[in-house]
Amino acid sequence: MERGLLWLPLLAFFFWLAWAGWREYQKVEAYQQWAAAFDHAKYDIYAVLGQKADLLTWGTPTRQDPANLEIISLQDLTAVRLRVNGQPVELDNPPTKGRAELELTCRERPSPILIPFTEPPLAAKWAQHLQQQMRSS
């Protein structure tokens, strides 16, 4: 009986782990359906981001569809920068760890837009991509 009681917390942990995995799987499935409409898209636990032509859409991943979606035209952007742990970083040599954010400066908004990323190298690739798109449009 004592051994059974010792294993009970471990069993509860495995059920919680399976439940958390199922929720994340549902988020990824919802993202894949949402991302099919975009030319370029990314998913991580902090945000979803998609680009179709000159429109950039981002929001928060959920189990149904991404929430808190915002849309901006690349023509309205004046600058794209990468920040890691709140500090500006060069795009050519981003750190491998840290909390990254794309900082989008726009003509219509007084404060910059911050889109979170979990991986600084991926955020740097997105920043370079957006800068190229801004130059070509």
C-alpha atoms as a PDB file:
ATOM      1  CA  MET A   1       0.000   0.000   0.000  1.00  0.00           C
ATOM      2  CA  GLU A   2       2.816   2.399   0.851  1.00  0.00           C
ATOM      3  CA  ARG A   3       4.486   1.732  -2.500  1.00  0.00           C
ATOM      4  CA  GLY A   4       1.235   2.475  -4.297  1.00  0.00           C
ATOM      5  CA  LEU A   5       0.969   5.808  -2.511  1.00  0.00           C
ATOM      6  CA  LEU A   6       4.539   6.637  -3.496  1.00  0.00           C
ATOM      7  CA  TRP A   7       3.756   6.018  -7.179  1.00  0.00           C
ATOM      8  CA  LEU A   8       0.547   8.062  -7.132  1.00  0.00           C
ATOM      9  CA  PRO A   9       2.272  11.487  -7.563  1.00  0.00           C
ATOM     10  CA  LEU A  10       4.300  10.083 -10.458  1.00  0.00           C
ATOM     11  CA  LEU A  11       1.139   8.787 -12.107  1.00  0.00           C
ATOM     12  CA  ALA A  12      -0.534  12.182 -11.653  1.00  0.00           C
ATOM     13  CA  PHE A  13       2.531  13.860 -13.199  1.00  0.00           C
ATOM     14  CA  PHE A  14       2.351  11.602 -16.271  1.00  0.00           C
ATOM     15  CA  PHE A  15      -1.355  12.371 -16.719  1.00  0.00           C
ATOM     16  CA  TRP A  16      -0.608  16.112 -16.472  1.00  0.00           C
ATOM     17  CA  LEU A  17       2.257  15.731 -18.968  1.00  0.00           C
ATOM     18  CA  ALA A  18       0.009  13.901 -21.441  1.00  0.00           C
ATOM     19  CA  TRP A  19      -2.689  16.575 -21.034  1.00  0.00           C
ATOM     20  CA  ALA A  20      -0.165  19.396 -21.630  1.00  0.00           C
ATOM     21  CA  GLY A  21       1.199  17.609 -24.712  1.00  0.00           C
ATOM     22  CA  TRP A  22      -2.303  17.186 -26.118  1.00  0.00           C
ATOM     23  CA  ARG A  23      -3.035  20.898 -25.646  1.00  0.00           C
ATOM     24  CA  GLU A  24       0.187  21.872 -27.445  1.00  0.00           C
ATOM     25  CA  TYR A  25      -0.586  19.426 -30.256  1.00  0.00           C
ATOM     26  CA  GLN A  26      -3.994  21.076 -30.707  1.00  0.00           C
ATOM     27  CA  LYS A  27      -2.302  24.497 -30.918  1.00  0.00           C
ATOM     28  CA  VAL A  28       0.082  23.261 -33.617  1.00  0.00           C
ATOM     29  CA  GLU A  29      -2.779  21.719 -35.610  1.00  0.00           C
ATOM     30  CA  ALA A  30      -4.772  24.964 -35.430  1.00  0.00           C
ATOM     31  CA  TYR A  31      -1.671  26.890 -36.520  1.00  0.00           C
ATOM     32  CA  GLN A  32      -1.085  24.613 -39.521  1.00  0.00           C
ATOM     33  CA  GLN A  33      -4.611  25.254 -40.791  1.00  0.00           C
ATOM     34  CA  TRP A  34      -4.205  29.006 -40.214  1.00  0.00           C
ATOM     35  CA  ALA A  35      -0.746  29.141 -41.828  1.00  0.00           C
ATOM     36  CA  ALA A  36      -1.895  27.500 -45.065  1.00  0.00           C
ATOM     37  CA  ALA A  37      -3.211  30.880 -46.267  1.00  0.00           C
ATOM     38  CA  PHE A  38       0.197  32.593 -45.965  1.00  0.00           C
ATOM     39  CA  ASP A  39       3.305  32.690 -48.153  1.00  0.00           C
ATOM     40  CA  HIS A  40       5.629  32.746 -45.126  1.00  0.00           C
ATOM     41  CA  ALA A  41       4.642  31.711 -41.567  1.00  0.00           C
ATOM     42  CA  LYS A  42       6.125  30.800 -38.174  1.00  0.00           C
ATOM     43  CA  TYR A  43       4.850  29.236 -34.943  1.00  0.00           C
ATOM     44  CA  ASP A  44       6.276  29.111 -31.471  1.00  0.00           C
ATOM     45  CA  ILE A  45       4.825  29.125 -27.981  1.00  0.00           C
ATOM     46  CA  TYR A  46       4.810  32.928 -27.783  1.00  0.00           C
ATOM     47  CA  ALA A  47       3.353  34.007 -31.124  1.00  0.00           C
ATOM     48  CA  VAL A  48       2.255  33.076 -34.615  1.00  0.00           C
ATOM     49  CA  LEU A  49       3.341  35.207 -37.542  1.00  0.00           C
ATOM     50  CA  GLY A  50       2.308  35.084 -41.185  1.00  0.00           C
ATOM     51  CA  GLN A  51       3.056  37.090 -44.302  1.00  0.00           C
ATOM     52  CA  LYS A  52       0.879  37.171 -47.413  1.00  0.00           C
ATOM     53  CA  ALA A  53       2.052  39.583 -50.126  1.00  0.00           C
ATOM     54  CA  ASP A  54       2.679  42.878 -48.279  1.00  0.00           C
ATOM     55  CA  LEU A  55       0.490  42.115 -45.240  1.00  0.00           C
ATOM     56  CA  LEU A  56       1.987  40.891 -41.976  1.00  0.00           C
ATOM     57  CA  THR A  57      -0.316  39.173 -39.465  1.00  0.00           C
ATOM     58  CA  TRP A  58       0.585  38.069 -35.941  1.00  0.00           C
ATOM     59  CA  GLY A  59      -1.158  36.891 -32.796  1.00  0.00           C
ATOM     60  CA  THR A  60      -1.212  34.438 -29.913  1.00  0.00           C
ATOM     61  CA  PRO A  61      -1.502  30.690 -30.551  1.00  0.00           C
ATOM     62  CA  THR A  62      -4.578  28.960 -29.087  1.00  0.00           C
ATOM     63  CA  ARG A  63      -6.181  25.548 -29.466  1.00  0.00           C
ATOM     64  CA  GLN A  64      -8.839  26.832 -31.879  1.00  0.00           C
ATOM     65  CA  ASP A  65      -7.423  29.642 -34.041  1.00  0.00           C
ATOM     66  CA  PRO A  66      -4.773  32.222 -33.251  1.00  0.00           C
ATOM     67  CA  ALA A  67      -6.152  34.995 -31.032  1.00  0.00           C
ATOM     68  CA  ASN A  68      -5.432  38.725 -30.732  1.00  0.00           C
ATOM     69  CA  LEU A  69      -4.562  38.916 -34.421  1.00  0.00           C
ATOM     70  CA  GLU A  70      -3.130  42.168 -35.710  1.00  0.00           C
ATOM     71  CA  ILE A  71      -2.381  43.076 -39.314  1.00  0.00           C
ATOM     72  CA  ILE A  72      -0.009  45.657 -40.739  1.00  0.00           C
ATOM     73  CA  SER A  73       1.135  46.490 -44.250  1.00  0.00           C
ATOM     74  CA  LEU A  74       4.853  46.249 -44.942  1.00  0.00           C
ATOM     75  CA  GLN A  75       4.542  49.610 -46.687  1.00  0.00           C
ATOM     76  CA  ASP A  76       3.705  51.206 -43.324  1.00  0.00           C
ATOM     77  CA  LEU A  77       6.893  49.886 -41.687  1.00  0.00           C
ATOM     78  CA  THR A  78       9.801  52.261 -41.297  1.00  0.00           C
ATOM     79  CA  ALA A  79      12.228  49.907 -39.498  1.00  0.00           C
ATOM     80  CA  VAL A  80      12.660  46.289 -38.409  1.00  0.00           C
ATOM     81  CA  ARG A  81      15.067  45.515 -35.580  1.00  0.00           C
ATOM     82  CA  LEU A  82      15.957  42.492 -33.461  1.00  0.00           C
ATOM     83  CA  ARG A  83      16.061  42.695 -29.682  1.00  0.00           C
ATOM     84  CA  VAL A  84      17.350  39.915 -27.430  1.00  0.00           C
ATOM     85  CA  ASN A  85      16.669  40.214 -23.717  1.00  0.00           C
ATOM     86  CA  GLY A  86      15.574  43.800 -24.357  1.00  0.00           C
ATOM     87  CA  GLN A  87      18.836  44.870 -26.028  1.00  0.00           C
ATOM     88  CA  PRO A  88      19.272  45.646 -29.750  1.00  0.00           C
ATOM     89  CA  VAL A  89      21.296  42.993 -31.597  1.00  0.00           C
ATOM     90  CA  GLU A  90      22.980  42.844 -35.004  1.00  0.00           C
ATOM     91  CA  LEU A  91      21.169  40.623 -37.486  1.00  0.00           C
ATOM     92  CA  ASP A  92      24.378  39.141 -38.884  1.00  0.00           C
ATOM     93  CA  ASN A  93      25.484  37.629 -35.577  1.00  0.00           C
ATOM     94  CA  PRO A  94      22.532  36.999 -33.238  1.00  0.00           C
ATOM     95  CA  PRO A  95      23.081  35.150 -29.948  1.00  0.00           C
ATOM     96  CA  THR A  96      21.895  31.547 -29.835  1.00  0.00           C
ATOM     97  CA  LYS A  97      19.933  31.950 -26.592  1.00  0.00           C
ATOM     98  CA  GLY A  98      17.743  34.549 -24.987  1.00  0.00           C
ATOM     99  CA  ARG A  99      14.263  35.965 -25.362  1.00  0.00           C
ATOM    100  CA  ALA A 100      14.080  37.537 -28.801  1.00  0.00           C
ATOM    101  CA  GLU A 101      11.623  40.091 -30.142  1.00  0.00           C
ATOM    102  CA  LEU A 102      11.117  41.624 -33.528  1.00  0.00           C
ATOM    103  CA  GLU A 103      10.692  45.349 -33.110  1.00  0.00           C
ATOM    104  CA  LEU A 104       8.598  46.850 -35.898  1.00  0.00           C
ATOM    105  CA  THR A 105       8.477  50.632 -36.166  1.00  0.00           C
ATOM    106  CA  CYS A 106       5.489  51.923 -38.064  1.00  0.00           C
ATOM    107  CA  ARG A 107       4.325  55.311 -39.321  1.00  0.00           C
ATOM    108  CA  GLU A 108       0.835  54.976 -37.848  1.00  0.00           C
ATOM    109  CA  ARG A 109       1.741  53.858 -34.323  1.00  0.00           C
ATOM    110  CA  PRO A 110       3.587  55.933 -31.748  1.00  0.00           C
ATOM    111  CA  SER A 111       5.111  52.910 -29.991  1.00  0.00           C
ATOM    112  CA  PRO A 112       6.930  50.020 -31.693  1.00  0.00           C
ATOM    113  CA  ILE A 113       5.301  46.624 -32.203  1.00  0.00           C
ATOM    114  CA  LEU A 114       7.082  43.763 -30.417  1.00  0.00           C
ATOM    115  CA  ILE A 115       6.605  40.209 -31.707  1.00  0.00           C
ATOM    116  CA  PRO A 116       8.175  37.588 -29.391  1.00  0.00           C
ATOM    117  CA  PHE A 117      10.317  34.679 -30.592  1.00  0.00           C
ATOM    118  CA  THR A 118      11.849  31.816 -28.624  1.00  0.00           C
ATOM    119  CA  GLU A 119      14.932  31.527 -30.863  1.00  0.00           C
ATOM    120  CA  PRO A 120      17.082  34.574 -31.713  1.00  0.00           C
ATOM    121  CA  PRO A 121      18.489  33.049 -34.960  1.00  0.00           C
ATOM    122  CA  LEU A 122      14.953  32.496 -36.292  1.00  0.00           C
ATOM    123  CA  ALA A 123      13.985  36.042 -35.313  1.00  0.00           C
ATOM    124  CA  ALA A 124      17.080  37.344 -37.149  1.00  0.00           C
ATOM    125  CA  LYS A 125      16.068  35.456 -40.308  1.00  0.00           C
ATOM    126  CA  TRP A 126      12.577  36.957 -40.087  1.00  0.00           C
ATOM    127  CA  ALA A 127      14.013  40.447 -39.583  1.00  0.00           C
ATOM    128  CA  GLN A 128      16.261  40.042 -42.634  1.00  0.00           C
ATOM    129  CA  HIS A 129      13.346  38.703 -44.667  1.00  0.00           C
ATOM    130  CA  LEU A 130      11.109  41.617 -43.683  1.00  0.00           C
ATOM    131  CA  GLN A 131      13.832  44.140 -44.438  1.00  0.00           C
ATOM    132  CA  GLN A 132      14.237  42.632 -47.917  1.00  0.00           C
ATOM    133  CA  GLN A 133      10.463  42.780 -48.440  1.00  0.00           C
ATOM    134  CA  MET A 134      10.399  46.424 -47.335  1.00  0.00           C
ATOM    135  CA  ARG A 135      13.149  47.327 -49.817  1.00  0.00           C
ATOM    136  CA  SER A 136      11.483  45.531 -52.719  1.00  0.00           C
ATOM    137  CA  SER A 137       8.039  47.082 -52.200  1.00  0.00           C
END
